[in-house]
Amino acid sequence: DWSKDRIIPDIVRSLQAGIPVPVRNPHAIRPWQHVLEPLLGYLELGLIKPAHTKEQNSFNLGPYEWDVLPVQELVNIAIKEWGKGSAQFAGKAGEPHEAGVLKLDISKTISLLQWRPKLKASEAIAWAIIWYKQAEKFADKRSLIKEQITQYINR
């Protein structure tokens, strides 16, 4: 994902450019996860456990409730994994309006499907930053994706 106004791509662009990472709401709590968590979880849900979906039609596939981090910590982990960089608060507190805390309840998914996240939030952030950092050097990004999928599946 290289879209604008997405936190990880925006962090990476700032780090690549050698400019401070702008942090709008450093204390906002979010349920960070690597894209492989819900992607492979939903594939498993649809392919392996379809009987559970007939009566229970919605499932949250996210991090544990206790494994959430403030935006500032996400930025700090990203900078550490990148190996250099800094952050700066950019904007007035609460602008634009965003929820202070976002969490997902994955208890139904755990109890009915026995699905659990494999990566802690800090690991998910590190994996994403490592991928972006390596992606700068390689034209063939598919090999990087396959490598992370293999690492994820082997957990």
Protein backbone atom coordinates (compact mmCIF):
# COMPACT_ATOMS: atom_id res chain seq x y z
CA ASP A 1 0.00 0.00 0.00
CA TRP A 2 1.51 3.31 -1.09
CA SER A 3 -1.68 5.36 -0.71
CA LYS A 4 -1.57 8.88 0.67
CA ASP A 5 -2.93 9.52 4.16
CA ARG A 6 -2.22 5.95 5.28
CA ILE A 7 0.01 5.89 8.32
CA ILE A 8 2.59 3.27 7.35
CA PRO A 9 3.13 4.53 3.77
CA ASP A 10 3.26 8.12 5.08
CA ILE A 11 5.86 7.11 7.69
CA VAL A 12 7.92 5.32 5.04
CA ARG A 13 7.79 8.30 2.67
CA SER A 14 9.01 10.60 5.45
CA LEU A 15 11.80 8.22 6.41
CA GLN A 16 12.87 7.80 2.78
CA ALA A 17 12.95 11.58 2.35
CA GLY A 18 14.86 12.08 5.60
CA ILE A 19 12.22 14.38 7.06
CA PRO A 20 10.49 14.07 10.46
CA VAL A 21 7.43 11.84 10.50
CA PRO A 22 4.36 14.03 11.11
CA VAL A 23 2.24 12.65 13.96
CA ARG A 24 -1.30 14.06 14.16
CA ASN A 25 -2.71 12.26 17.19
CA PRO A 26 0.18 10.58 19.04
CA HIS A 27 -1.97 9.26 21.89
CA ALA A 28 -4.71 7.70 19.74
CA ILE A 29 -4.91 3.94 20.39
CA ARG A 30 -5.38 1.64 17.41
CA PRO A 31 -5.57 -2.14 16.81
CA TRP A 32 -2.49 -2.46 14.57
CA GLN A 33 -2.07 -5.66 12.62
CA HIS A 34 -0.18 -6.93 9.62
CA VAL A 35 -2.25 -7.41 6.47
CA LEU A 36 -1.54 -11.15 6.55
CA GLU A 37 -3.49 -11.57 9.80
CA PRO A 38 -6.99 -10.81 8.49
CA LEU A 39 -6.22 -11.93 4.94
CA LEU A 40 -5.15 -15.43 5.85
CA GLY A 41 -7.71 -15.55 8.65
CA TYR A 42 -10.56 -14.87 6.25
CA LEU A 43 -9.19 -17.39 3.77
CA GLU A 44 -9.15 -19.97 6.56
CA LEU A 45 -12.64 -18.96 7.61
CA GLY A 46 -13.99 -19.34 4.08
CA LEU A 47 -12.08 -22.42 3.02
CA ILE A 48 -11.65 -24.50 6.13
CA LYS A 49 -14.48 -23.59 8.48
CA PRO A 50 -17.51 -22.66 6.37
CA ALA A 51 -19.92 -24.57 8.64
CA HIS A 52 -19.37 -21.98 11.39
CA THR A 53 -20.36 -19.10 9.14
CA LYS A 54 -23.98 -20.15 8.50
CA GLU A 55 -25.34 -18.97 11.85
CA GLN A 56 -22.50 -16.67 12.88
CA ASN A 57 -22.06 -14.40 9.86
CA SER A 58 -19.53 -11.84 11.10
CA PHE A 59 -16.12 -12.28 12.65
CA ASN A 60 -13.47 -9.80 13.75
CA LEU A 61 -9.94 -10.85 12.88
CA GLY A 62 -7.66 -8.46 14.68
CA PRO A 63 -5.15 -8.24 17.49
CA TYR A 64 -5.87 -9.24 21.07
CA GLU A 65 -7.66 -6.51 23.01
CA TRP A 66 -4.57 -6.01 25.18
CA ASP A 67 -2.27 -5.71 22.14
CA VAL A 68 -3.07 -2.18 21.01
CA LEU A 69 -0.61 0.70 20.77
CA PRO A 70 -0.75 4.48 20.59
CA VAL A 71 0.22 6.08 17.30
CA GLN A 72 3.40 7.50 18.83
CA GLU A 73 4.59 3.99 19.74
CA LEU A 74 3.87 2.77 16.20
CA VAL A 75 6.00 5.65 14.87
CA ASN A 76 8.79 4.89 17.34
CA ILE A 77 8.86 1.21 16.32
CA ALA A 78 8.89 2.20 12.63
CA ILE A 79 11.81 4.60 13.15
CA LYS A 80 13.73 1.97 15.13
CA GLU A 81 13.21 -0.66 12.40
CA TRP A 82 14.16 1.83 9.67
CA GLY A 83 17.37 2.58 11.55
CA LYS A 84 17.08 6.36 11.58
CA GLY A 85 14.55 9.17 11.54
CA SER A 86 12.52 11.32 13.87
CA ALA A 87 8.94 12.32 14.55
CA GLN A 88 7.22 15.64 15.15
CA PHE A 89 3.78 16.47 16.37
CA ALA A 90 1.90 18.06 13.47
CA GLY A 91 -1.42 19.68 14.15
CA LYS A 92 -3.72 20.64 16.97
CA ALA A 93 -4.86 17.97 19.40
CA GLY A 94 -8.07 16.38 18.19
CA GLU A 95 -7.90 17.79 14.63
CA PRO A 96 -9.12 16.23 12.49
CA HIS A 97 -11.57 14.55 14.83
CA GLU A 98 -10.63 10.92 15.30
CA ALA A 99 -11.65 8.43 17.96
CA GLY A 100 -9.21 8.27 20.84
CA VAL A 101 -9.42 4.49 21.15
CA LEU A 102 -10.32 1.85 18.57
CA LYS A 103 -10.37 -1.85 19.45
CA LEU A 104 -11.80 -5.04 18.00
CA ASP A 105 -13.50 -7.79 19.97
CA ILE A 106 -12.12 -11.08 18.64
CA SER A 107 -13.59 -13.30 21.37
CA LYS A 108 -16.21 -14.86 19.05
CA THR A 109 -13.54 -15.65 16.48
CA ILE A 110 -11.34 -17.26 19.12
CA SER A 111 -14.15 -19.28 20.70
CA LEU A 112 -15.89 -20.50 17.54
CA LEU A 113 -13.01 -20.76 15.09
CA GLN A 114 -9.99 -21.14 17.37
CA TRP A 115 -8.33 -18.42 15.26
CA ARG A 116 -5.76 -16.28 17.01
CA PRO A 117 -3.39 -13.59 15.80
CA LYS A 118 0.15 -14.84 15.22
CA LEU A 119 1.92 -11.47 15.39
CA LYS A 120 1.98 -8.97 18.22
CA ALA A 121 1.33 -5.38 17.16
CA SER A 122 5.01 -4.49 17.53
CA GLU A 123 5.98 -7.43 15.30
CA ALA A 124 3.36 -6.51 12.70
CA ILE A 125 4.74 -2.97 12.51
CA ALA A 126 8.32 -4.24 12.30
CA TRP A 127 7.39 -6.70 9.51
CA ALA A 128 5.72 -3.93 7.52
CA ILE A 129 8.66 -1.54 7.86
CA ILE A 130 11.17 -4.28 7.02
CA TRP A 131 9.16 -5.06 3.88
CA TYR A 132 9.06 -1.41 2.78
CA LYS A 133 12.78 -1.01 3.49
CA GLN A 134 13.65 -4.11 1.48
CA ALA A 135 11.19 -3.15 -1.26
CA GLU A 136 13.33 -0.08 -2.01
CA LYS A 137 16.11 -2.39 -3.21
CA PHE A 138 14.20 -5.03 -5.17
CA ALA A 139 12.27 -4.71 -8.40
CA ASP A 140 10.55 -8.05 -7.76
CA LYS A 141 8.42 -7.39 -4.70
CA ARG A 142 6.61 -10.71 -5.08
CA SER A 143 9.58 -12.57 -3.63
CA LEU A 144 9.45 -10.36 -0.54
CA ILE A 145 5.73 -11.00 -0.19
CA LYS A 146 6.20 -14.76 -0.58
CA GLU A 147 8.96 -14.72 2.03
CA GLN A 148 6.76 -12.98 4.60
CA ILE A 149 3.81 -15.26 3.82
CA THR A 150 6.06 -18.28 4.40
CA GLN A 151 7.36 -16.83 7.68
CA TYR A 152 3.81 -16.09 8.79
CA ILE A 153 2.46 -19.55 7.93
CA ASN A 154 5.38 -21.23 9.70
CA ARG A 155 4.46 -19.57 13.03
